[in-house]
Amino acid sequence: MSDEEFDLLDELYFVQNYDFIKESLGWEDELLLKTLNSLYQNGMIKCLTTPDTERFDAVDVFFPKEKISST
């Protein structure tokens, strides 16, 4: 596990949104998206639409500013 993956997992422990994590870590989008994708592809994180609702479809973390909402 890389240092970036560890730092990101530490932030994700409390189920935070993208903007909060980006600000907390002080990372550029490229690094954050690359690290999120690595963790997601390795099954180390899940994608949620709300804090209690997991997405079970394929998630493309590189899709620009995808807004995920539940109905």
Protein backbone atom coordinates (compact mmCIF):
# COMPACT_ATOMS: atom_id res chain seq x y z
CA MET A 1 0.00 0.00 0.00
CA SER A 2 1.35 3.39 -0.95
CA ASP A 3 1.55 6.37 1.41
CA GLU A 4 -1.16 8.09 -0.64
CA GLU A 5 -3.48 5.08 -0.37
CA PHE A 6 -2.94 4.96 3.40
CA ASP A 7 -3.62 8.69 3.81
CA LEU A 8 -6.76 8.48 1.69
CA LEU A 9 -8.08 5.43 3.55
CA ASP A 10 -7.56 7.32 6.79
CA GLU A 11 -9.83 10.12 5.50
CA LEU A 12 -12.41 7.73 4.04
CA TYR A 13 -12.91 5.94 7.37
CA PHE A 14 -15.61 8.47 8.24
CA VAL A 15 -17.39 8.34 4.82
CA GLN A 16 -16.54 11.81 3.55
CA ASN A 17 -17.48 13.40 0.24
CA TYR A 18 -14.99 14.15 -2.52
CA ASP A 19 -14.65 17.89 -1.87
CA PHE A 20 -14.06 17.36 1.86
CA ILE A 21 -11.35 14.76 1.22
CA LYS A 22 -9.69 16.92 -1.44
CA GLU A 23 -9.54 19.89 0.93
CA SER A 24 -8.40 17.82 3.92
CA LEU A 25 -5.55 16.19 2.02
CA GLY A 26 -4.67 19.26 -0.06
CA TRP A 27 -4.34 17.10 -3.18
CA GLU A 28 -4.97 17.97 -6.81
CA ASP A 29 -7.78 16.12 -8.61
CA GLU A 30 -5.36 13.96 -10.60
CA LEU A 31 -3.70 12.44 -7.52
CA LEU A 32 -6.96 12.00 -5.65
CA LEU A 33 -8.74 10.34 -8.57
CA LYS A 34 -5.76 8.09 -9.33
CA THR A 35 -5.57 6.98 -5.70
CA LEU A 36 -9.35 6.51 -5.37
CA ASN A 37 -9.34 4.40 -8.53
CA SER A 38 -6.48 2.25 -7.27
CA LEU A 39 -8.23 1.57 -3.97
CA TYR A 40 -11.58 0.94 -5.70
CA GLN A 41 -10.11 -1.43 -8.31
CA ASN A 42 -8.39 -3.40 -5.53
CA GLY A 43 -11.64 -3.75 -3.58
CA MET A 44 -10.36 -1.67 -0.68
CA ILE A 45 -13.13 0.97 -0.84
CA LYS A 46 -16.78 1.11 -1.88
CA CYS A 47 -18.72 3.89 -3.56
CA LEU A 48 -21.81 5.18 -1.77
CA THR A 49 -24.61 7.47 -2.97
CA THR A 50 -25.46 8.32 0.64
CA PRO A 51 -23.66 7.31 3.85
CA ASP A 52 -25.84 4.17 4.04
CA THR A 53 -26.39 3.31 0.35
CA GLU A 54 -23.73 1.41 -1.57
CA ARG A 55 -23.52 1.55 -5.37
CA PHE A 56 -23.29 -1.90 -6.89
CA ASP A 57 -22.87 -0.83 -10.51
CA ALA A 58 -19.48 -0.10 -12.07
CA VAL A 59 -18.11 3.27 -11.01
CA ASP A 60 -15.82 5.35 -13.22
CA VAL A 61 -13.96 7.64 -10.82
CA PHE A 62 -12.45 9.56 -13.73
CA PHE A 63 -15.81 10.73 -15.11
CA PRO A 64 -15.62 14.50 -14.63
CA LYS A 65 -17.74 15.82 -11.79
CA GLU A 66 -20.24 12.97 -11.85
CA LYS A 67 -22.95 13.91 -9.42
CA ILE A 68 -24.34 10.84 -7.73
CA SER A 69 -27.78 11.27 -6.26
CA SER A 70 -30.38 8.93 -4.95
CA THR A 71 -34.04 9.19 -5.80
